[in-house]
Amino acid sequence: MTSGISIAEWLVTNGNIAFEIIGTLAFALSGLLEAARKKLDIVGMAMVTFLAAFGGGTLRDILLDRRPFFWVQNQFWIWVVLAMCLLALIFIRSRHLEPTERATAWPDAIGLGIFSAGGTSIALQAGAPAIVAVIMGIITAVFGGVLRDVVVNEIPRAFVDHQPYSILAFAGGWVVVGLHYVGTSSFIAVGLGALVITALRFAAMIFGWRLPTWRV
């Protein structure tokens, strides 16, 4: 690179930003598809997309007393969400597309992996104990989707589809914790943690894995 910094060094330094971009876009897309599936107008679509993308990270920042909130510090995300909503509204209507619930689940799985691992890493860097950091990762990844489903008048999918979801965030969070304590860079820790969580979520969706349920 022109500054003399190698690509590997740049990724180690700025990799978390790249993960944040991918995770935010993935969750925003899941909210966007869900809003389109419910046939909301542009205002409703923007609200649902915003909650899906920023809800979990906002609650994490509140609990960790981090200021300003990550989307306040990077205000261009608001414009990105608004632009996504406007373009999606035009494209979906012009193409007469009908988004399905399964279509929402794929970007949601990517967001789950990245936000779980990233939230855990942020909490560790803030000095949180390991178990608290893992819980913060779960909150970062799950709470936005819960808000998304509640606003569109659905019982949160994470609670009722009986597929592994939060438990995958919990397991992947410990991958990040383990790598953090052996001195691995946050970029590699988040990357591997996100990869594990997303791969397991994809497998759960493809093979129909189910959690045990109460038998009446």
C-alpha atoms as a PDB file:
ATOM      1  CA  MET A   1       0.000   0.000   0.000  1.00  0.00           C
ATOM      2  CA  THR A   2       1.158   3.573  -0.576  1.00  0.00           C
ATOM      3  CA  SER A   3       1.688   4.309   3.106  1.00  0.00           C
ATOM      4  CA  GLY A   4       4.004   1.339   3.492  1.00  0.00           C
ATOM      5  CA  ILE A   5       1.446  -0.675   5.479  1.00  0.00           C
ATOM      6  CA  SER A   6       0.778  -4.182   4.187  1.00  0.00           C
ATOM      7  CA  ILE A   7      -2.734  -5.465   3.540  1.00  0.00           C
ATOM      8  CA  ALA A   8      -2.392  -7.891   6.462  1.00  0.00           C
ATOM      9  CA  GLU A   9      -1.425  -5.079   8.832  1.00  0.00           C
ATOM     10  CA  TRP A  10      -4.303  -2.923   7.573  1.00  0.00           C
ATOM     11  CA  LEU A  11      -6.792  -5.767   8.158  1.00  0.00           C
ATOM     12  CA  VAL A  12      -5.537  -6.339  11.697  1.00  0.00           C
ATOM     13  CA  THR A  13      -5.934  -2.624  12.439  1.00  0.00           C
ATOM     14  CA  ASN A  14      -9.200  -1.948  10.593  1.00  0.00           C
ATOM     15  CA  GLY A  15     -10.696  -5.420  10.239  1.00  0.00           C
ATOM     16  CA  ASN A  16     -13.282  -4.862  12.978  1.00  0.00           C
ATOM     17  CA  ILE A  17     -14.676  -1.956  10.953  1.00  0.00           C
ATOM     18  CA  ALA A  18     -15.071  -4.251   7.960  1.00  0.00           C
ATOM     19  CA  PHE A  19     -16.885  -6.817  10.096  1.00  0.00           C
ATOM     20  CA  GLU A  20     -19.146  -4.101  11.491  1.00  0.00           C
ATOM     21  CA  ILE A  21     -20.025  -2.984   7.960  1.00  0.00           C
ATOM     22  CA  ILE A  22     -20.891  -6.522   6.820  1.00  0.00           C
ATOM     23  CA  GLY A  23     -22.873  -7.327   9.977  1.00  0.00           C
ATOM     24  CA  THR A  24     -24.840  -4.089   9.900  1.00  0.00           C
ATOM     25  CA  LEU A  25     -25.706  -4.537   6.224  1.00  0.00           C
ATOM     26  CA  ALA A  26     -26.729  -8.163   6.816  1.00  0.00           C
ATOM     27  CA  PHE A  27     -29.087  -7.330   9.690  1.00  0.00           C
ATOM     28  CA  ALA A  28     -30.392  -4.276   7.855  1.00  0.00           C
ATOM     29  CA  LEU A  29     -31.190  -6.520   4.885  1.00  0.00           C
ATOM     30  CA  SER A  30     -33.014  -8.996   7.119  1.00  0.00           C
ATOM     31  CA  GLY A  31     -35.143  -6.174   8.522  1.00  0.00           C
ATOM     32  CA  LEU A  32     -35.716  -4.798   5.052  1.00  0.00           C
ATOM     33  CA  LEU A  33     -36.925  -8.137   3.694  1.00  0.00           C
ATOM     34  CA  GLU A  34     -39.195  -8.680   6.690  1.00  0.00           C
ATOM     35  CA  ALA A  35     -40.725  -5.221   6.286  1.00  0.00           C
ATOM     36  CA  ALA A  36     -41.239  -5.865   2.578  1.00  0.00           C
ATOM     37  CA  ARG A  37     -42.823  -9.229   3.377  1.00  0.00           C
ATOM     38  CA  LYS A  38     -45.306  -7.433   5.642  1.00  0.00           C
ATOM     39  CA  LYS A  39     -45.909  -4.829   2.897  1.00  0.00           C
ATOM     40  CA  LEU A  40     -45.021  -1.856   5.103  1.00  0.00           C
ATOM     41  CA  ASP A  41     -44.693   1.658   3.696  1.00  0.00           C
ATOM     42  CA  ILE A  42     -41.370   3.503   3.458  1.00  0.00           C
ATOM     43  CA  VAL A  43     -41.610   4.807   7.045  1.00  0.00           C
ATOM     44  CA  GLY A  44     -42.375   1.392   8.494  1.00  0.00           C
ATOM     45  CA  MET A  45     -39.689  -0.190   6.349  1.00  0.00           C
ATOM     46  CA  ALA A  46     -37.073   2.295   7.553  1.00  0.00           C
ATOM     47  CA  MET A  47     -38.054   1.771  11.199  1.00  0.00           C
ATOM     48  CA  VAL A  48     -37.930  -2.028  11.024  1.00  0.00           C
ATOM     49  CA  THR A  49     -34.624  -1.938   9.132  1.00  0.00           C
ATOM     50  CA  PHE A  50     -33.149   0.504  11.643  1.00  0.00           C
ATOM     51  CA  LEU A  51     -34.218  -1.617  14.632  1.00  0.00           C
ATOM     52  CA  ALA A  52     -32.826  -4.806  13.100  1.00  0.00           C
ATOM     53  CA  ALA A  53     -29.486  -3.195  12.245  1.00  0.00           C
ATOM     54  CA  PHE A  54     -28.918  -1.067  15.356  1.00  0.00           C
ATOM     55  CA  GLY A  55     -31.118  -2.417  18.161  1.00  0.00           C
ATOM     56  CA  GLY A  56     -28.712  -4.997  19.570  1.00  0.00           C
ATOM     57  CA  GLY A  57     -25.629  -2.798  19.343  1.00  0.00           C
ATOM     58  CA  THR A  58     -27.463   0.088  21.000  1.00  0.00           C
ATOM     59  CA  LEU A  59     -28.516  -2.038  23.980  1.00  0.00           C
ATOM     60  CA  ARG A  60     -24.961  -3.379  24.258  1.00  0.00           C
ATOM     61  CA  ASP A  61     -23.550   0.155  24.297  1.00  0.00           C
ATOM     62  CA  ILE A  62     -26.065   1.188  26.968  1.00  0.00           C
ATOM     63  CA  LEU A  63     -25.146  -1.754  29.213  1.00  0.00           C
ATOM     64  CA  LEU A  64     -21.394  -1.201  28.694  1.00  0.00           C
ATOM     65  CA  ASP A  65     -21.827   2.583  29.124  1.00  0.00           C
ATOM     66  CA  ARG A  66     -20.202   3.270  25.744  1.00  0.00           C
ATOM     67  CA  ARG A  67     -20.792   6.735  24.287  1.00  0.00           C
ATOM     68  CA  PRO A  68     -21.557   7.829  21.685  1.00  0.00           C
ATOM     69  CA  PHE A  69     -23.596   4.918  20.352  1.00  0.00           C
ATOM     70  CA  PHE A  70     -21.918   3.284  17.375  1.00  0.00           C
ATOM     71  CA  TRP A  71     -24.508   4.526  14.872  1.00  0.00           C
ATOM     72  CA  VAL A  72     -24.368   8.055  16.309  1.00  0.00           C
ATOM     73  CA  GLN A  73     -20.599   8.070  15.936  1.00  0.00           C
ATOM     74  CA  ASN A  74     -20.929   6.817  12.351  1.00  0.00           C
ATOM     75  CA  GLN A  75     -23.947   8.737  11.115  1.00  0.00           C
ATOM     76  CA  PHE A  76     -23.538   7.615   7.529  1.00  0.00           C
ATOM     77  CA  TRP A  77     -25.244   4.351   8.580  1.00  0.00           C
ATOM     78  CA  ILE A  78     -28.525   6.245   8.894  1.00  0.00           C
ATOM     79  CA  TRP A  79     -28.219   7.381   5.288  1.00  0.00           C
ATOM     80  CA  VAL A  80     -27.267   3.879   4.190  1.00  0.00           C
ATOM     81  CA  VAL A  81     -30.404   2.445   5.829  1.00  0.00           C
ATOM     82  CA  LEU A  82     -32.641   5.100   4.271  1.00  0.00           C
ATOM     83  CA  ALA A  83     -31.089   4.550   0.838  1.00  0.00           C
ATOM     84  CA  MET A  84     -31.522   0.766   1.152  1.00  0.00           C
ATOM     85  CA  CYS A  85     -35.194   1.189   2.031  1.00  0.00           C
ATOM     86  CA  LEU A  86     -35.894   3.534  -0.860  1.00  0.00           C
ATOM     87  CA  LEU A  87     -34.086   1.359  -3.412  1.00  0.00           C
ATOM     88  CA  ALA A  88     -35.713  -1.811  -2.108  1.00  0.00           C
ATOM     89  CA  LEU A  89     -39.168  -0.264  -2.244  1.00  0.00           C
ATOM     90  CA  ILE A  90     -38.653   0.724  -5.872  1.00  0.00           C
ATOM     91  CA  PHE A  91     -36.993  -2.552  -6.896  1.00  0.00           C
ATOM     92  CA  ILE A  92     -39.421  -4.919  -5.157  1.00  0.00           C
ATOM     93  CA  ARG A  93     -42.465  -3.123  -6.531  1.00  0.00           C
ATOM     94  CA  SER A  94     -41.077  -2.865 -10.044  1.00  0.00           C
ATOM     95  CA  ARG A  95     -40.113  -6.551 -10.069  1.00  0.00           C
ATOM     96  CA  HIS A  96     -43.260  -7.669  -8.196  1.00  0.00           C
ATOM     97  CA  LEU A  97     -41.140  -9.742  -5.813  1.00  0.00           C
ATOM     98  CA  GLU A  98     -42.578 -11.484  -2.765  1.00  0.00           C
ATOM     99  CA  PRO A  99     -39.835 -11.915  -0.108  1.00  0.00           C
ATOM    100  CA  THR A 100     -40.201 -15.115   1.898  1.00  0.00           C
ATOM    101  CA  GLU A 101     -39.475 -15.810   5.553  1.00  0.00           C
ATOM    102  CA  ARG A 102     -36.612 -18.081   4.498  1.00  0.00           C
ATOM    103  CA  ALA A 103     -35.076 -15.250   2.449  1.00  0.00           C
ATOM    104  CA  THR A 104     -34.932 -13.171   5.638  1.00  0.00           C
ATOM    105  CA  ALA A 105     -33.138 -15.962   7.508  1.00  0.00           C
ATOM    106  CA  TRP A 106     -29.987 -16.042   5.342  1.00  0.00           C
ATOM    107  CA  PRO A 107     -28.727 -12.475   5.927  1.00  0.00           C
ATOM    108  CA  ASP A 108     -29.921 -12.819   9.524  1.00  0.00           C
ATOM    109  CA  ALA A 109     -27.551 -15.778   9.960  1.00  0.00           C
ATOM    110  CA  ILE A 110     -24.613 -13.709   8.699  1.00  0.00           C
ATOM    111  CA  GLY A 111     -25.528 -10.862  11.043  1.00  0.00           C
ATOM    112  CA  LEU A 112     -25.852 -13.328  13.920  1.00  0.00           C
ATOM    113  CA  GLY A 113     -22.303 -14.560  13.447  1.00  0.00           C
ATOM    114  CA  ILE A 114     -20.633 -11.203  12.986  1.00  0.00           C
ATOM    115  CA  PHE A 115     -22.542  -9.320  15.679  1.00  0.00           C
ATOM    116  CA  SER A 116     -22.174 -12.128  18.249  1.00  0.00           C
ATOM    117  CA  ALA A 117     -18.425 -12.327  17.763  1.00  0.00           C
ATOM    118  CA  GLY A 118     -17.996  -8.562  17.440  1.00  0.00           C
ATOM    119  CA  GLY A 119     -20.113  -7.787  20.494  1.00  0.00           C
ATOM    120  CA  THR A 120     -18.139 -10.270  22.556  1.00  0.00           C
ATOM    121  CA  SER A 121     -14.850  -8.742  21.424  1.00  0.00           C
ATOM    122  CA  ILE A 122     -16.017  -5.193  22.199  1.00  0.00           C
ATOM    123  CA  ALA A 123     -17.061  -6.237  25.697  1.00  0.00           C
ATOM    124  CA  LEU A 124     -13.717  -7.958  26.318  1.00  0.00           C
ATOM    125  CA  GLN A 125     -11.856  -4.843  25.197  1.00  0.00           C
ATOM    126  CA  ALA A 126     -14.007  -2.823  27.615  1.00  0.00           C
ATOM    127  CA  GLY A 127     -12.765  -5.033  30.464  1.00  0.00           C
ATOM    128  CA  ALA A 128     -15.870  -7.179  30.932  1.00  0.00           C
ATOM    129  CA  PRO A 129     -15.462 -10.684  32.442  1.00  0.00           C
ATOM    130  CA  ALA A 130     -15.685 -13.578  29.995  1.00  0.00           C
ATOM    131  CA  ILE A 131     -19.271 -14.638  30.769  1.00  0.00           C
ATOM    132  CA  VAL A 132     -20.489 -11.026  30.627  1.00  0.00           C
ATOM    133  CA  ALA A 133     -18.707 -10.521  27.305  1.00  0.00           C
ATOM    134  CA  VAL A 134     -20.387 -13.608  25.829  1.00  0.00           C
ATOM    135  CA  ILE A 135     -23.801 -12.376  27.013  1.00  0.00           C
ATOM    136  CA  MET A 136     -23.092  -8.975  25.454  1.00  0.00           C
ATOM    137  CA  GLY A 137     -22.353 -10.762  22.197  1.00  0.00           C
ATOM    138  CA  ILE A 138     -25.707 -12.543  22.377  1.00  0.00           C
ATOM    139  CA  ILE A 139     -27.512  -9.275  23.118  1.00  0.00           C
ATOM    140  CA  THR A 140     -25.767  -7.543  20.211  1.00  0.00           C
ATOM    141  CA  ALA A 141     -26.825 -10.262  17.790  1.00  0.00           C
ATOM    142  CA  VAL A 142     -30.282 -11.227  19.038  1.00  0.00           C
ATOM    143  CA  PHE A 143     -31.963  -8.083  20.357  1.00  0.00           C
ATOM    144  CA  GLY A 144     -32.232  -6.347  16.972  1.00  0.00           C
ATOM    145  CA  GLY A 145     -34.009  -9.353  15.484  1.00  0.00           C
ATOM    146  CA  VAL A 146     -36.329  -9.532  18.483  1.00  0.00           C
ATOM    147  CA  LEU A 147     -37.285  -5.875  18.016  1.00  0.00           C
ATOM    148  CA  ARG A 148     -37.762  -6.457  14.286  1.00  0.00           C
ATOM    149  CA  ASP A 149     -40.194  -9.315  14.859  1.00  0.00           C
ATOM    150  CA  VAL A 150     -42.100  -7.584  17.659  1.00  0.00           C
ATOM    151  CA  VAL A 151     -42.665  -4.446  15.566  1.00  0.00           C
ATOM    152  CA  VAL A 152     -44.094  -6.504  12.674  1.00  0.00           C
ATOM    153  CA  ASN A 153     -46.388  -8.294  15.140  1.00  0.00           C
ATOM    154  CA  GLU A 154     -44.586 -11.639  15.197  1.00  0.00           C
ATOM    155  CA  ILE A 155     -43.383 -13.711  18.130  1.00  0.00           C
ATOM    156  CA  PRO A 156     -39.585 -13.375  17.844  1.00  0.00           C
ATOM    157  CA  ARG A 157     -38.313 -16.093  15.552  1.00  0.00           C
ATOM    158  CA  ALA A 158     -35.340 -16.715  17.826  1.00  0.00           C
ATOM    159  CA  PHE A 159     -37.763 -18.009  20.483  1.00  0.00           C
ATOM    160  CA  VAL A 160     -40.240 -20.061  18.493  1.00  0.00           C
ATOM    161  CA  ASP A 161     -38.639 -21.712  15.451  1.00  0.00           C
ATOM    162  CA  HIS A 162     -36.903 -24.276  17.723  1.00  0.00           C
ATOM    163  CA  GLN A 163     -33.722 -24.061  15.652  1.00  0.00           C
ATOM    164  CA  PRO A 164     -30.410 -23.285  17.397  1.00  0.00           C
ATOM    165  CA  TYR A 165     -29.950 -19.511  17.401  1.00  0.00           C
ATOM    166  CA  SER A 166     -28.973 -17.839  20.668  1.00  0.00           C
ATOM    167  CA  ILE A 167     -27.190 -21.000  21.746  1.00  0.00           C
ATOM    168  CA  LEU A 168     -24.954 -20.709  18.675  1.00  0.00           C
ATOM    169  CA  ALA A 169     -24.123 -17.125  19.615  1.00  0.00           C
ATOM    170  CA  PHE A 170     -23.272 -18.371  23.108  1.00  0.00           C
ATOM    171  CA  ALA A 171     -20.966 -21.108  21.784  1.00  0.00           C
ATOM    172  CA  GLY A 172     -19.285 -18.819  19.268  1.00  0.00           C
ATOM    173  CA  GLY A 173     -18.744 -16.179  21.933  1.00  0.00           C
ATOM    174  CA  TRP A 174     -16.555 -18.615  23.838  1.00  0.00           C
ATOM    175  CA  VAL A 175     -14.459 -19.141  20.713  1.00  0.00           C
ATOM    176  CA  VAL A 176     -13.778 -15.395  20.714  1.00  0.00           C
ATOM    177  CA  VAL A 177     -13.035 -15.442  24.459  1.00  0.00           C
ATOM    178  CA  GLY A 178     -10.577 -18.321  24.089  1.00  0.00           C
ATOM    179  CA  LEU A 179      -8.742 -16.662  21.222  1.00  0.00           C
ATOM    180  CA  HIS A 180      -8.671 -13.350  23.109  1.00  0.00           C
ATOM    181  CA  TYR A 181      -7.019 -14.903  26.158  1.00  0.00           C
ATOM    182  CA  VAL A 182      -4.294 -16.624  24.125  1.00  0.00           C
ATOM    183  CA  GLY A 183      -3.333 -13.267  22.627  1.00  0.00           C
ATOM    184  CA  THR A 184      -4.942 -13.561  19.184  1.00  0.00           C
ATOM    185  CA  SER A 185      -5.727 -10.250  17.468  1.00  0.00           C
ATOM    186  CA  SER A 186      -9.330  -9.099  17.700  1.00  0.00           C
ATOM    187  CA  PHE A 187      -9.633  -9.247  13.899  1.00  0.00           C
ATOM    188  CA  ILE A 188      -8.780 -12.963  13.778  1.00  0.00           C
ATOM    189  CA  ALA A 189     -10.827 -13.745  16.908  1.00  0.00           C
ATOM    190  CA  VAL A 190     -13.919 -12.034  15.544  1.00  0.00           C
ATOM    191  CA  GLY A 191     -13.431 -13.537  12.106  1.00  0.00           C
ATOM    192  CA  LEU A 192     -13.122 -17.116  13.364  1.00  0.00           C
ATOM    193  CA  GLY A 193     -15.935 -16.693  15.882  1.00  0.00           C
ATOM    194  CA  ALA A 194     -18.243 -15.248  13.239  1.00  0.00           C
ATOM    195  CA  LEU A 195     -17.329 -18.036  10.820  1.00  0.00           C
ATOM    196  CA  VAL A 196     -18.160 -20.731  13.383  1.00  0.00           C
ATOM    197  CA  ILE A 197     -21.507 -19.182  14.341  1.00  0.00           C
ATOM    198  CA  THR A 198     -22.626 -18.446  10.779  1.00  0.00           C
ATOM    199  CA  ALA A 199     -21.610 -21.890   9.512  1.00  0.00           C
ATOM    200  CA  LEU A 200     -23.501 -23.598  12.333  1.00  0.00           C
ATOM    201  CA  ARG A 201     -26.582 -21.446  11.708  1.00  0.00           C
ATOM    202  CA  PHE A 202     -26.503 -22.261   7.996  1.00  0.00           C
ATOM    203  CA  ALA A 203     -26.180 -25.966   8.858  1.00  0.00           C
ATOM    204  CA  ALA A 204     -29.128 -25.732  11.262  1.00  0.00           C
ATOM    205  CA  MET A 205     -31.262 -24.169   8.525  1.00  0.00           C
ATOM    206  CA  ILE A 206     -30.181 -26.605   5.805  1.00  0.00           C
ATOM    207  CA  PHE A 207     -30.429 -29.813   7.841  1.00  0.00           C
ATOM    208  CA  GLY A 208     -33.391 -28.755   9.973  1.00  0.00           C
ATOM    209  CA  TRP A 209     -31.715 -29.097  13.361  1.00  0.00           C
ATOM    210  CA  ARG A 210     -34.147 -28.613  16.238  1.00  0.00           C
ATOM    211  CA  LEU A 211     -33.779 -27.951  19.950  1.00  0.00           C
ATOM    212  CA  PRO A 212     -35.669 -30.159  22.444  1.00  0.00           C
ATOM    213  CA  THR A 213     -39.128 -28.806  23.300  1.00  0.00           C
ATOM    214  CA  TRP A 214     -41.593 -29.360  26.125  1.00  0.00           C
ATOM    215  CA  ARG A 215     -43.971 -32.246  25.589  1.00  0.00           C
ATOM    216  CA  VAL A 216     -47.459 -31.668  26.934  1.00  0.00           C
END
